[in-house]
Amino acid sequence: MRRATACALLLILALAGCGSDSSKRDDAAARARARAHAALQARLVAAGRPLFVKHCGLCHTLEGRVAHPTFIESPIPNLDEVKPRAEYVEERIHRGGFDMQSFENELSATQIRAVAAYVADVAGGRIAASSARTTQLATGRQVFAQNCASCHGIAGRRRTGTPMYPGTEFNFVKPSERMVMERILKGIPDEMPAFKSRLSPAQLRAVAAYVTATAGE
């Protein structure tokens, strides 16, 4: 009986050791994959920077390089004030926008990925963490639902309407409060109405805080 018990104990310890070794191998493999992914992203970002400067830098400000386009009437996002996800950038490069051409015939698939990786990595340098109170964010959410949700998606919800010119998809883009406030005060001709006379100053501040705190999450 004692011999059987001892053998069983040795078997348990051996199996435990095998499990520990397997776990270590899994952890090492996961770290290796993470390092490989980080190295790939670093290469894409490095390759995307000169491509962005050549093809996008004339219109978009990024990393302090200020663009001064004189041939486009609509306001162009300052990418230091907004942080888009890579997949959103890729979509815009492929499809273009209201005042933006498509680049899918100018750039290869690898080049588009590189530009998107670069923008997603470095954009949004001027976005500060929100200091809004819970009550202000609740007010902002209500104002957004009543005035913005038909054109803009946010917080996992899609836009509720079918506008001719859909607004920024805030599920994939995080803007600074300064940028949101500028847009809602001035609007965009033929695309977005100005809300300066439609909302109180407190409502304007609340919805700007809500969008920045919630977008891109």
N, C-alpha and C. Protein backbone atom coordinates (compact mmCIF):
# COMPACT_ATOMS: atom_id res chain seq x y z
N MET A 1 0.83 -1.20 0.00
CA MET A 1 0.00 0.00 0.00
C MET A 1 0.86 1.25 0.00
N ARG A 2 1.93 1.23 0.88
CA ARG A 2 2.81 2.40 0.94
C ARG A 2 3.54 2.60 -0.39
N ARG A 3 3.96 1.45 -1.02
CA ARG A 3 4.67 1.53 -2.29
C ARG A 3 3.76 2.13 -3.37
N ALA A 4 2.49 1.73 -3.41
CA ALA A 4 1.54 2.26 -4.39
C ALA A 4 1.32 3.75 -4.18
N THR A 5 1.20 4.13 -2.90
CA THR A 5 1.00 5.55 -2.59
C THR A 5 2.20 6.38 -3.03
N ALA A 6 3.40 5.86 -2.79
CA ALA A 6 4.61 6.58 -3.18
C ALA A 6 4.69 6.70 -4.70
N CYS A 7 4.36 5.65 -5.42
CA CYS A 7 4.38 5.70 -6.88
C CYS A 7 3.38 6.72 -7.43
N ALA A 8 2.20 6.74 -6.81
CA ALA A 8 1.18 7.69 -7.24
C ALA A 8 1.65 9.13 -7.02
N LEU A 9 2.31 9.35 -5.85
CA LEU A 9 2.82 10.70 -5.55
C LEU A 9 3.88 11.11 -6.57
N LEU A 10 4.78 10.18 -6.92
CA LEU A 10 5.82 10.48 -7.90
C LEU A 10 5.21 10.80 -9.26
N LEU A 11 4.14 10.05 -9.61
CA LEU A 11 3.48 10.29 -10.90
C LEU A 11 2.85 11.68 -10.93
N ILE A 12 2.20 12.07 -9.84
CA ILE A 12 1.57 13.39 -9.75
C ILE A 12 2.61 14.49 -9.90
N LEU A 13 3.74 14.31 -9.19
CA LEU A 13 4.81 15.32 -9.26
C LEU A 13 5.38 15.41 -10.67
N ALA A 14 5.52 14.27 -11.33
CA ALA A 14 6.06 14.26 -12.69
C ALA A 14 5.12 14.97 -13.65
N LEU A 15 3.82 14.68 -13.50
CA LEU A 15 2.85 15.34 -14.36
C LEU A 15 2.80 16.83 -14.11
N ALA A 16 2.93 17.22 -12.85
CA ALA A 16 2.94 18.64 -12.51
C ALA A 16 4.13 19.32 -13.15
N GLY A 17 5.27 18.62 -13.14
CA GLY A 17 6.47 19.19 -13.76
C GLY A 17 6.29 19.36 -15.25
N CYS A 18 5.67 18.38 -15.91
CA CYS A 18 5.41 18.47 -17.35
C CYS A 18 4.50 19.66 -17.65
N GLY A 19 3.48 19.83 -16.81
CA GLY A 19 2.57 20.96 -17.00
C GLY A 19 3.28 22.28 -16.87
N SER A 20 4.20 22.35 -15.89
CA SER A 20 4.95 23.58 -15.68
C SER A 20 5.83 23.88 -16.87
N ASP A 21 6.50 22.83 -17.41
CA ASP A 21 7.35 23.02 -18.58
C ASP A 21 6.53 23.47 -19.78
N SER A 22 5.35 22.87 -19.95
CA SER A 22 4.48 23.24 -21.06
C SER A 22 4.04 24.70 -20.95
N SER A 23 3.71 25.11 -19.71
CA SER A 23 3.29 26.49 -19.49
C SER A 23 4.42 27.46 -19.81
N LYS A 24 5.64 27.08 -19.43
CA LYS A 24 6.79 27.93 -19.72
C LYS A 24 7.01 28.05 -21.22
N ARG A 25 6.85 26.92 -21.93
CA ARG A 25 7.02 26.96 -23.38
C ARG A 25 5.96 27.84 -24.03
N ASP A 26 4.72 27.74 -23.53
CA ASP A 26 3.64 28.57 -24.07
C ASP A 26 3.93 30.04 -23.83
N ASP A 27 4.40 30.37 -22.62
CA ASP A 27 4.72 31.76 -22.30
C ASP A 27 5.84 32.28 -23.18
N ALA A 28 6.86 31.44 -23.40
CA ALA A 28 7.99 31.85 -24.23
C ALA A 28 7.54 32.07 -25.67
N ALA A 29 6.65 31.19 -26.17
CA ALA A 29 6.14 31.34 -27.53
C ALA A 29 5.31 32.61 -27.67
N ALA A 30 4.51 32.90 -26.64
CA ALA A 30 3.69 34.11 -26.67
C ALA A 30 4.56 35.36 -26.68
N ARG A 31 5.63 35.34 -25.88
CA ARG A 31 6.54 36.50 -25.86
C ARG A 31 7.25 36.66 -27.20
N ALA A 32 7.61 35.54 -27.82
CA ALA A 32 8.26 35.59 -29.12
C ALA A 32 7.32 36.17 -30.18
N ARG A 33 6.05 35.75 -30.13
CA ARG A 33 5.07 36.29 -31.09
C ARG A 33 4.88 37.78 -30.87
N ALA A 34 4.83 38.20 -29.60
CA ALA A 34 4.66 39.61 -29.30
C ALA A 34 5.84 40.43 -29.80
N ARG A 35 7.06 39.90 -29.62
CA ARG A 35 8.25 40.62 -30.12
C ARG A 35 8.23 40.71 -31.64
N ALA A 36 7.83 39.63 -32.30
CA ALA A 36 7.77 39.63 -33.77
C ALA A 36 6.74 40.64 -34.26
N HIS A 37 5.57 40.68 -33.58
CA HIS A 37 4.53 41.64 -33.96
C HIS A 37 5.01 43.07 -33.76
N ALA A 38 5.66 43.33 -32.63
CA ALA A 38 6.16 44.68 -32.36
C ALA A 38 7.21 45.09 -33.39
N ALA A 39 8.08 44.15 -33.77
CA ALA A 39 9.11 44.45 -34.77
C ALA A 39 8.47 44.75 -36.13
N LEU A 40 7.43 43.98 -36.50
CA LEU A 40 6.73 44.23 -37.75
C LEU A 40 6.08 45.60 -37.73
N GLN A 41 5.41 45.94 -36.63
CA GLN A 41 4.76 47.24 -36.52
C GLN A 41 5.78 48.37 -36.62
N ALA A 42 6.92 48.20 -35.97
CA ALA A 42 7.97 49.22 -36.04
C ALA A 42 8.44 49.43 -37.47
N ARG A 43 8.59 48.33 -38.23
CA ARG A 43 9.01 48.45 -39.62
C ARG A 43 7.95 49.14 -40.46
N LEU A 44 6.67 48.80 -40.21
CA LEU A 44 5.59 49.44 -40.95
C LEU A 44 5.52 50.93 -40.65
N VAL A 45 5.64 51.30 -39.38
CA VAL A 45 5.61 52.71 -39.00
C VAL A 45 6.75 53.47 -39.66
N ALA A 46 7.95 52.89 -39.65
CA ALA A 46 9.10 53.54 -40.26
C ALA A 46 8.91 53.70 -41.77
N ALA A 47 8.33 52.70 -42.41
CA ALA A 47 8.09 52.77 -43.85
C ALA A 47 6.95 53.74 -44.18
N GLY A 48 5.99 53.86 -43.26
CA GLY A 48 4.83 54.72 -43.51
C GLY A 48 5.12 56.20 -43.41
N ARG A 49 6.09 56.59 -42.60
CA ARG A 49 6.38 58.01 -42.38
C ARG A 49 6.70 58.75 -43.69
N PRO A 50 7.69 58.30 -44.49
CA PRO A 50 7.98 59.04 -45.73
C PRO A 50 6.83 58.97 -46.75
N LEU A 51 6.09 57.86 -46.74
CA LEU A 51 4.94 57.76 -47.64
C LEU A 51 3.87 58.78 -47.27
N PHE A 52 3.65 58.95 -45.97
CA PHE A 52 2.68 59.94 -45.51
C PHE A 52 3.12 61.34 -45.91
N VAL A 53 4.38 61.66 -45.68
CA VAL A 53 4.88 62.99 -46.03
C VAL A 53 4.67 63.28 -47.51
N LYS A 54 4.92 62.27 -48.35
CA LYS A 54 4.83 62.45 -49.80
C LYS A 54 3.39 62.56 -50.27
N HIS A 55 2.51 61.70 -49.77
CA HIS A 55 1.16 61.60 -50.32
C HIS A 55 0.09 62.31 -49.48
N CYS A 56 0.35 62.54 -48.21
CA CYS A 56 -0.69 63.06 -47.32
C CYS A 56 -0.30 64.37 -46.63
N GLY A 57 1.00 64.63 -46.54
CA GLY A 57 1.49 65.77 -45.77
C GLY A 57 1.10 67.12 -46.32
N LEU A 58 0.69 67.18 -47.58
CA LEU A 58 0.27 68.45 -48.15
C LEU A 58 -1.04 68.93 -47.52
N CYS A 59 -1.86 68.00 -47.07
CA CYS A 59 -3.18 68.34 -46.53
C CYS A 59 -3.30 68.14 -45.02
N HIS A 60 -2.60 67.15 -44.47
CA HIS A 60 -2.77 66.78 -43.07
C HIS A 60 -1.56 67.16 -42.22
N THR A 61 -1.82 67.86 -41.13
CA THR A 61 -0.79 68.16 -40.15
C THR A 61 -0.58 66.93 -39.26
N LEU A 62 0.68 66.58 -39.02
CA LEU A 62 0.99 65.45 -38.14
C LEU A 62 2.42 65.60 -37.64
N GLU A 63 2.63 65.27 -36.37
CA GLU A 63 3.93 65.39 -35.72
C GLU A 63 4.49 66.80 -35.85
N GLY A 64 3.61 67.79 -35.79
CA GLY A 64 4.05 69.18 -35.82
C GLY A 64 4.36 69.71 -37.19
N ARG A 65 4.32 68.87 -38.23
CA ARG A 65 4.53 69.37 -39.60
C ARG A 65 3.21 69.94 -40.08
N VAL A 66 3.12 71.25 -40.15
CA VAL A 66 1.85 71.92 -40.41
C VAL A 66 1.59 71.98 -41.91
N ALA A 67 0.41 71.52 -42.30
CA ALA A 67 -0.02 71.58 -43.69
C ALA A 67 -0.86 72.83 -43.91
N HIS A 68 -0.72 73.43 -45.09
CA HIS A 68 -1.48 74.64 -45.43
C HIS A 68 -2.15 74.47 -46.79
N PRO A 69 -3.11 73.56 -46.89
CA PRO A 69 -3.77 73.37 -48.19
C PRO A 69 -4.59 74.61 -48.54
N THR A 70 -4.49 75.03 -49.78
CA THR A 70 -5.22 76.23 -50.23
C THR A 70 -6.29 75.90 -51.25
N PHE A 71 -6.46 74.62 -51.56
CA PHE A 71 -7.35 74.25 -52.65
C PHE A 71 -8.54 73.42 -52.17
N ILE A 72 -8.69 73.25 -50.85
CA ILE A 72 -9.79 72.46 -50.31
C ILE A 72 -10.57 73.32 -49.32
N GLU A 73 -11.88 73.38 -49.50
CA GLU A 73 -12.70 74.28 -48.69
C GLU A 73 -13.08 73.68 -47.34
N SER A 74 -13.33 72.38 -47.28
CA SER A 74 -13.74 71.76 -46.03
C SER A 74 -12.56 71.69 -45.06
N PRO A 75 -12.83 71.78 -43.75
CA PRO A 75 -11.74 71.65 -42.78
C PRO A 75 -11.14 70.25 -42.83
N ILE A 76 -9.83 70.18 -42.79
CA ILE A 76 -9.12 68.90 -42.88
C ILE A 76 -8.64 68.52 -41.49
N PRO A 77 -8.85 67.29 -41.05
CA PRO A 77 -8.44 66.91 -39.70
C PRO A 77 -6.94 67.11 -39.47
N ASN A 78 -6.63 67.83 -38.40
CA ASN A 78 -5.25 67.91 -37.92
C ASN A 78 -5.00 66.62 -37.15
N LEU A 79 -4.13 65.76 -37.66
CA LEU A 79 -3.97 64.44 -37.06
C LEU A 79 -3.21 64.46 -35.74
N ASP A 80 -2.72 65.62 -35.32
CA ASP A 80 -2.22 65.75 -33.96
C ASP A 80 -3.37 65.90 -32.98
N GLU A 81 -4.57 66.24 -33.51
CA GLU A 81 -5.75 66.47 -32.68
C GLU A 81 -6.75 65.32 -32.75
N VAL A 82 -6.42 64.27 -33.47
CA VAL A 82 -7.35 63.16 -33.62
C VAL A 82 -6.54 61.88 -33.77
N LYS A 83 -7.03 60.79 -33.16
CA LYS A 83 -6.33 59.51 -33.22
C LYS A 83 -7.25 58.46 -33.82
N PRO A 84 -7.03 58.09 -35.08
CA PRO A 84 -7.84 57.05 -35.70
C PRO A 84 -7.19 55.68 -35.56
N ARG A 85 -8.00 54.64 -35.61
CA ARG A 85 -7.47 53.28 -35.65
C ARG A 85 -6.91 52.99 -37.04
N ALA A 86 -6.01 52.03 -37.11
CA ALA A 86 -5.36 51.72 -38.38
C ALA A 86 -6.37 51.28 -39.44
N GLU A 87 -7.37 50.48 -39.05
CA GLU A 87 -8.33 49.99 -40.03
C GLU A 87 -9.17 51.13 -40.62
N TYR A 88 -9.41 52.17 -39.82
CA TYR A 88 -10.16 53.34 -40.31
C TYR A 88 -9.31 54.11 -41.32
N VAL A 89 -8.02 54.27 -41.02
CA VAL A 89 -7.12 54.96 -41.94
C VAL A 89 -7.05 54.20 -43.27
N GLU A 90 -6.92 52.88 -43.19
CA GLU A 90 -6.86 52.08 -44.41
C GLU A 90 -8.12 52.27 -45.25
N GLU A 91 -9.28 52.29 -44.60
CA GLU A 91 -10.53 52.46 -45.34
C GLU A 91 -10.56 53.80 -46.05
N ARG A 92 -10.11 54.86 -45.36
CA ARG A 92 -10.13 56.19 -45.98
C ARG A 92 -9.14 56.27 -47.14
N ILE A 93 -7.99 55.63 -47.00
CA ILE A 93 -7.01 55.63 -48.09
C ILE A 93 -7.59 54.92 -49.30
N HIS A 94 -8.29 53.82 -49.07
CA HIS A 94 -8.88 53.06 -50.18
C HIS A 94 -10.05 53.81 -50.82
N ARG A 95 -10.94 54.34 -49.99
CA ARG A 95 -12.20 54.89 -50.50
C ARG A 95 -12.15 56.39 -50.74
N GLY A 96 -11.22 57.10 -50.08
CA GLY A 96 -11.22 58.54 -50.16
C GLY A 96 -12.32 59.12 -49.28
N GLY A 97 -12.65 60.39 -49.49
CA GLY A 97 -13.67 61.05 -48.68
C GLY A 97 -14.27 62.22 -49.43
N PHE A 98 -14.97 63.08 -48.71
CA PHE A 98 -15.68 64.19 -49.33
C PHE A 98 -14.73 65.08 -50.14
N ASP A 99 -13.59 65.41 -49.58
CA ASP A 99 -12.58 66.22 -50.27
C ASP A 99 -11.26 65.49 -50.37
N MET A 100 -11.29 64.17 -50.38
CA MET A 100 -10.05 63.38 -50.40
C MET A 100 -10.15 62.30 -51.46
N GLN A 101 -9.13 62.23 -52.29
CA GLN A 101 -9.12 61.21 -53.33
C GLN A 101 -8.78 59.85 -52.75
N SER A 102 -9.12 58.80 -53.49
CA SER A 102 -8.67 57.45 -53.14
C SER A 102 -7.22 57.28 -53.61
N PHE A 103 -6.44 56.56 -52.80
CA PHE A 103 -5.05 56.32 -53.15
C PHE A 103 -4.77 54.86 -53.49
N GLU A 104 -5.83 54.07 -53.66
CA GLU A 104 -5.60 52.65 -53.87
C GLU A 104 -4.94 52.34 -55.21
N ASN A 105 -4.99 53.28 -56.17
CA ASN A 105 -4.30 53.08 -57.44
C ASN A 105 -2.91 53.73 -57.45
N GLU A 106 -2.60 54.42 -56.34
CA GLU A 106 -1.30 55.07 -56.22
C GLU A 106 -0.35 54.32 -55.30
N LEU A 107 -0.92 53.67 -54.31
CA LEU A 107 -0.13 52.96 -53.30
C LEU A 107 -0.44 51.47 -53.34
N SER A 108 0.57 50.66 -53.09
CA SER A 108 0.35 49.22 -53.02
C SER A 108 -0.33 48.87 -51.70
N ALA A 109 -0.82 47.65 -51.59
CA ALA A 109 -1.47 47.20 -50.35
C ALA A 109 -0.51 47.31 -49.17
N THR A 110 0.76 46.96 -49.38
CA THR A 110 1.75 47.05 -48.30
C THR A 110 2.01 48.49 -47.92
N GLN A 111 2.05 49.39 -48.89
CA GLN A 111 2.27 50.80 -48.61
C GLN A 111 1.08 51.40 -47.84
N ILE A 112 -0.12 50.99 -48.21
CA ILE A 112 -1.31 51.47 -47.50
C ILE A 112 -1.28 51.01 -46.05
N ARG A 113 -0.91 49.76 -45.82
CA ARG A 113 -0.79 49.26 -44.45
C ARG A 113 0.25 50.05 -43.68
N ALA A 114 1.34 50.40 -44.35
CA ALA A 114 2.41 51.13 -43.68
C ALA A 114 1.95 52.54 -43.29
N VAL A 115 1.28 53.23 -44.19
CA VAL A 115 0.77 54.57 -43.86
C VAL A 115 -0.23 54.49 -42.72
N ALA A 116 -1.13 53.52 -42.77
CA ALA A 116 -2.13 53.37 -41.71
C ALA A 116 -1.47 53.07 -40.37
N ALA A 117 -0.45 52.21 -40.38
CA ALA A 117 0.26 51.89 -39.13
C ALA A 117 0.95 53.13 -38.57
N TYR A 118 1.55 53.92 -39.43
CA TYR A 118 2.24 55.15 -39.00
C TYR A 118 1.25 56.14 -38.39
N VAL A 119 0.15 56.40 -39.09
CA VAL A 119 -0.84 57.35 -38.58
C VAL A 119 -1.43 56.89 -37.25
N ALA A 120 -1.82 55.62 -37.18
CA ALA A 120 -2.40 55.09 -35.95
C ALA A 120 -1.42 55.15 -34.79
N ASP A 121 -0.12 55.02 -35.09
CA ASP A 121 0.89 55.00 -34.03
C ASP A 121 1.18 56.39 -33.49
N VAL A 122 1.27 57.41 -34.35
CA VAL A 122 1.77 58.71 -33.89
C VAL A 122 0.70 59.78 -33.78
N ALA A 123 -0.47 59.58 -34.37
CA ALA A 123 -1.51 60.61 -34.34
C ALA A 123 -2.06 60.80 -32.92
N GLY A 124 -2.72 61.93 -32.72
CA GLY A 124 -3.38 62.19 -31.44
C GLY A 124 -2.47 62.71 -30.36
N GLY A 125 -1.32 63.27 -30.72
CA GLY A 125 -0.38 63.74 -29.71
C GLY A 125 -0.89 64.87 -28.84
N ARG A 126 -1.92 65.58 -29.28
CA ARG A 126 -2.46 66.71 -28.51
C ARG A 126 -3.75 66.37 -27.78
N ILE A 127 -4.10 65.10 -27.77
CA ILE A 127 -5.32 64.70 -27.05
C ILE A 127 -4.98 64.48 -25.59
N ALA A 128 -5.66 65.21 -24.72
CA ALA A 128 -5.44 65.08 -23.28
C ALA A 128 -6.50 64.17 -22.67
N ALA A 129 -6.14 63.54 -21.58
CA ALA A 129 -7.10 62.69 -20.86
C ALA A 129 -8.25 63.56 -20.35
N SER A 130 -9.45 63.05 -20.47
CA SER A 130 -10.63 63.81 -20.05
C SER A 130 -10.69 63.94 -18.53
N SER A 131 -11.03 65.12 -18.08
CA SER A 131 -11.21 65.36 -16.64
C SER A 131 -12.68 65.65 -16.32
N ALA A 132 -13.56 65.28 -17.25
CA ALA A 132 -14.98 65.57 -17.08
C ALA A 132 -15.57 64.78 -15.93
N ARG A 133 -16.52 65.39 -15.24
CA ARG A 133 -17.23 64.71 -14.16
C ARG A 133 -18.27 63.76 -14.75
N THR A 134 -18.68 62.79 -13.92
CA THR A 134 -19.66 61.80 -14.37
C THR A 134 -20.96 62.46 -14.81
N THR A 135 -21.39 63.48 -14.09
CA THR A 135 -22.63 64.16 -14.44
C THR A 135 -22.50 64.89 -15.78
N GLN A 136 -21.33 65.48 -16.02
CA GLN A 136 -21.13 66.17 -17.29
C GLN A 136 -21.12 65.19 -18.46
N LEU A 137 -20.50 64.02 -18.25
CA LEU A 137 -20.49 63.01 -19.30
C LEU A 137 -21.89 62.47 -19.58
N ALA A 138 -22.70 62.34 -18.53
CA ALA A 138 -24.08 61.90 -18.72
C ALA A 138 -24.88 62.92 -19.53
N THR A 139 -24.65 64.20 -19.25
CA THR A 139 -25.31 65.26 -20.04
C THR A 139 -24.84 65.21 -21.48
N GLY A 140 -23.52 65.03 -21.66
CA GLY A 140 -22.98 64.96 -23.01
C GLY A 140 -23.53 63.80 -23.80
N ARG A 141 -23.70 62.67 -23.13
CA ARG A 141 -24.26 61.50 -23.82
C ARG A 141 -25.68 61.79 -24.29
N GLN A 142 -26.46 62.46 -23.47
CA GLN A 142 -27.83 62.79 -23.83
C GLN A 142 -27.86 63.78 -25.00
N VAL A 143 -27.01 64.79 -24.94
CA VAL A 143 -26.94 65.78 -26.02
C VAL A 143 -26.52 65.10 -27.33
N PHE A 144 -25.54 64.21 -27.23
CA PHE A 144 -25.08 63.49 -28.43
C PHE A 144 -26.22 62.67 -29.03
N ALA A 145 -26.95 61.94 -28.19
CA ALA A 145 -28.04 61.10 -28.68
C ALA A 145 -29.10 61.92 -29.39
N GLN A 146 -29.34 63.13 -28.91
CA GLN A 146 -30.40 63.97 -29.46
C GLN A 146 -29.96 64.74 -30.70
N ASN A 147 -28.67 65.03 -30.83
CA ASN A 147 -28.22 65.94 -31.88
C ASN A 147 -27.18 65.38 -32.85
N CYS A 148 -26.50 64.30 -32.46
CA CYS A 148 -25.35 63.84 -33.25
C CYS A 148 -25.46 62.40 -33.73
N ALA A 149 -26.27 61.59 -33.06
CA ALA A 149 -26.26 60.14 -33.29
C ALA A 149 -26.76 59.75 -34.68
N SER A 150 -27.52 60.60 -35.34
CA SER A 150 -28.00 60.24 -36.67
C SER A 150 -26.87 60.22 -37.70
N CYS A 151 -25.80 60.99 -37.43
CA CYS A 151 -24.68 61.07 -38.39
C CYS A 151 -23.41 60.39 -37.88
N HIS A 152 -23.28 60.22 -36.55
CA HIS A 152 -22.05 59.70 -35.97
C HIS A 152 -22.32 58.47 -35.11
N GLY A 153 -21.50 57.43 -35.26
CA GLY A 153 -21.53 56.29 -34.35
C GLY A 153 -20.58 56.53 -33.20
N ILE A 154 -20.87 55.92 -32.04
CA ILE A 154 -20.00 56.05 -30.87
C ILE A 154 -20.38 54.97 -29.85
N ALA A 155 -19.43 54.61 -29.00
CA ALA A 155 -19.67 53.68 -27.89
C ALA A 155 -20.28 52.36 -28.36
N GLY A 156 -19.82 51.86 -29.49
CA GLY A 156 -20.32 50.59 -30.01
C GLY A 156 -21.63 50.69 -30.76
N ARG A 157 -22.23 51.87 -30.79
CA ARG A 157 -23.50 52.05 -31.51
C ARG A 157 -23.24 52.68 -32.87
N ARG A 158 -23.94 52.21 -33.89
CA ARG A 158 -23.83 52.77 -35.23
C ARG A 158 -24.67 54.02 -35.34
N ARG A 159 -24.39 54.85 -36.34
CA ARG A 159 -25.24 56.02 -36.57
C ARG A 159 -26.67 55.58 -36.81
N THR A 160 -27.63 56.38 -36.35
CA THR A 160 -29.03 55.98 -36.42
C THR A 160 -29.71 56.42 -37.72
N GLY A 161 -29.08 57.34 -38.46
CA GLY A 161 -29.68 57.84 -39.69
C GLY A 161 -28.88 57.43 -40.92
N THR A 162 -29.30 57.96 -42.07
CA THR A 162 -28.60 57.69 -43.34
C THR A 162 -28.30 59.03 -44.01
N PRO A 163 -27.38 59.81 -43.42
CA PRO A 163 -27.08 61.13 -43.99
C PRO A 163 -26.37 61.02 -45.33
N MET A 164 -26.51 62.06 -46.16
CA MET A 164 -25.83 62.08 -47.45
C MET A 164 -24.31 62.05 -47.25
N TYR A 165 -23.84 62.78 -46.23
CA TYR A 165 -22.42 62.81 -45.91
C TYR A 165 -22.24 62.32 -44.47
N PRO A 166 -22.07 61.02 -44.26
CA PRO A 166 -21.93 60.49 -42.91
C PRO A 166 -20.78 61.16 -42.17
N GLY A 167 -21.00 61.41 -40.88
CA GLY A 167 -19.98 62.06 -40.07
C GLY A 167 -18.91 61.07 -39.61
N THR A 168 -17.92 61.60 -38.93
CA THR A 168 -16.82 60.79 -38.42
C THR A 168 -17.37 59.64 -37.57
N GLU A 169 -16.83 58.46 -37.77
CA GLU A 169 -17.23 57.27 -37.02
C GLU A 169 -16.41 57.23 -35.73
N PHE A 170 -17.01 57.67 -34.63
CA PHE A 170 -16.28 57.79 -33.37
C PHE A 170 -16.02 56.46 -32.68
N ASN A 171 -16.51 55.37 -33.27
CA ASN A 171 -16.11 54.06 -32.76
C ASN A 171 -14.66 53.76 -33.14
N PHE A 172 -14.15 54.46 -34.14
CA PHE A 172 -12.80 54.19 -34.64
C PHE A 172 -11.88 55.40 -34.57
N VAL A 173 -12.40 56.55 -34.15
CA VAL A 173 -11.61 57.78 -34.16
C VAL A 173 -11.83 58.53 -32.85
N LYS A 174 -10.74 58.91 -32.19
CA LYS A 174 -10.82 59.71 -30.96
C LYS A 174 -10.30 61.12 -31.24
N PRO A 175 -11.15 62.15 -31.16
CA PRO A 175 -10.70 63.52 -31.37
C PRO A 175 -10.43 64.22 -30.04
N SER A 176 -9.68 65.31 -30.09
CA SER A 176 -9.48 66.12 -28.90
C SER A 176 -10.74 66.93 -28.61
N GLU A 177 -10.89 67.37 -27.37
CA GLU A 177 -12.04 68.21 -27.04
C GLU A 177 -11.99 69.50 -27.83
N ARG A 178 -10.79 70.04 -28.04
CA ARG A 178 -10.65 71.29 -28.79
C ARG A 178 -11.21 71.13 -30.20
N MET A 179 -10.89 69.99 -30.85
CA MET A 179 -11.38 69.77 -32.21
C MET A 179 -12.89 69.61 -32.22
N VAL A 180 -13.43 68.85 -31.28
CA VAL A 180 -14.88 68.65 -31.24
C VAL A 180 -15.58 69.99 -31.02
N MET A 181 -15.06 70.79 -30.10
CA MET A 181 -15.69 72.09 -29.82
C MET A 181 -15.66 72.98 -31.05
N GLU A 182 -14.55 72.97 -31.76
CA GLU A 182 -14.45 73.79 -32.97
C GLU A 182 -15.48 73.36 -34.01
N ARG A 183 -15.63 72.06 -34.18
CA ARG A 183 -16.59 71.57 -35.18
C ARG A 183 -18.03 71.89 -34.81
N ILE A 184 -18.39 71.69 -33.54
CA ILE A 184 -19.79 71.91 -33.18
C ILE A 184 -20.13 73.40 -33.13
N LEU A 185 -19.14 74.24 -32.89
CA LEU A 185 -19.39 75.68 -32.90
C LEU A 185 -19.54 76.21 -34.32
N LYS A 186 -18.66 75.78 -35.22
CA LYS A 186 -18.62 76.33 -36.58
C LYS A 186 -19.37 75.50 -37.59
N GLY A 187 -19.48 74.19 -37.35
CA GLY A 187 -20.05 73.30 -38.35
C GLY A 187 -19.12 73.15 -39.53
N ILE A 188 -19.61 72.47 -40.57
CA ILE A 188 -18.88 72.29 -41.82
C ILE A 188 -19.85 72.59 -42.95
N PRO A 189 -19.54 73.58 -43.79
CA PRO A 189 -20.48 73.95 -44.86
C PRO A 189 -20.92 72.75 -45.69
N ASP A 190 -22.22 72.63 -45.88
CA ASP A 190 -22.84 71.59 -46.70
C ASP A 190 -22.70 70.18 -46.11
N GLU A 191 -22.09 70.04 -44.94
CA GLU A 191 -21.90 68.72 -44.36
C GLU A 191 -22.46 68.60 -42.95
N MET A 192 -22.20 69.62 -42.11
CA MET A 192 -22.59 69.54 -40.70
C MET A 192 -23.04 70.91 -40.23
N PRO A 193 -24.21 71.00 -39.58
CA PRO A 193 -24.67 72.30 -39.10
C PRO A 193 -23.87 72.77 -37.90
N ALA A 194 -23.84 74.08 -37.70
CA ALA A 194 -23.23 74.65 -36.49
C ALA A 194 -24.24 74.56 -35.35
N PHE A 195 -23.75 74.28 -34.15
CA PHE A 195 -24.64 74.12 -33.00
C PHE A 195 -24.49 75.24 -31.97
N LYS A 196 -23.75 76.28 -32.34
CA LYS A 196 -23.49 77.36 -31.38
C LYS A 196 -24.78 77.99 -30.87
N SER A 197 -25.75 78.15 -31.75
CA SER A 197 -27.01 78.79 -31.35
C SER A 197 -28.07 77.76 -30.95
N ARG A 198 -27.75 76.49 -31.07
CA ARG A 198 -28.74 75.45 -30.77
C ARG A 198 -28.55 74.86 -29.37
N LEU A 199 -27.32 74.94 -28.85
CA LEU A 199 -27.01 74.35 -27.56
C LEU A 199 -26.44 75.41 -26.63
N SER A 200 -26.66 75.22 -25.34
CA SER A 200 -26.10 76.14 -24.35
C SER A 200 -24.60 75.90 -24.22
N PRO A 201 -23.85 76.86 -23.67
CA PRO A 201 -22.41 76.64 -23.45
C PRO A 201 -22.12 75.39 -22.63
N ALA A 202 -22.96 75.12 -21.62
CA ALA A 202 -22.75 73.93 -20.79
C ALA A 202 -22.97 72.66 -21.61
N GLN A 203 -23.98 72.66 -22.48
CA GLN A 203 -24.24 71.49 -23.33
C GLN A 203 -23.11 71.28 -24.33
N LEU A 204 -22.60 72.37 -24.89
CA LEU A 204 -21.49 72.27 -25.84
C LEU A 204 -20.26 71.65 -25.18
N ARG A 205 -19.94 72.13 -23.97
CA ARG A 205 -18.78 71.58 -23.25
C ARG A 205 -19.01 70.12 -22.89
N ALA A 206 -20.23 69.79 -22.51
CA ALA A 206 -20.54 68.42 -22.09
C ALA A 206 -20.42 67.45 -23.25
N VAL A 207 -20.95 67.80 -24.41
CA VAL A 207 -20.91 66.86 -25.54
C VAL A 207 -19.48 66.73 -26.06
N ALA A 208 -18.70 67.81 -26.02
CA ALA A 208 -17.29 67.72 -26.44
C ALA A 208 -16.52 66.80 -25.50
N ALA A 209 -16.76 66.93 -24.21
CA ALA A 209 -16.09 66.07 -23.23
C ALA A 209 -16.51 64.61 -23.40
N TYR A 210 -17.79 64.40 -23.65
CA TYR A 210 -18.30 63.04 -23.81
C TYR A 210 -17.68 62.37 -25.04
N VAL A 211 -17.62 63.07 -26.15
CA VAL A 211 -17.08 62.48 -27.37
C VAL A 211 -15.61 62.10 -27.17
N THR A 212 -14.81 63.00 -26.61
CA THR A 212 -13.39 62.70 -26.41
C THR A 212 -13.20 61.57 -25.40
N ALA A 213 -13.99 61.55 -24.35
CA ALA A 213 -13.83 60.51 -23.33
C ALA A 213 -14.27 59.14 -23.83
N THR A 214 -15.22 59.11 -24.77
CA THR A 214 -15.83 57.85 -25.18
C THR A 214 -15.33 57.34 -26.52
N ALA A 215 -14.97 58.22 -27.42
CA ALA A 215 -14.63 57.82 -28.78
C ALA A 215 -13.38 56.94 -28.81
N GLY A 216 -13.35 56.07 -29.81
CA GLY A 216 -12.18 55.24 -30.04
C GLY A 216 -11.94 54.14 -29.03
N GLU A 217 -12.90 53.91 -28.13
CA GLU A 217 -12.72 52.89 -27.09
C GLU A 217 -13.26 51.54 -27.57
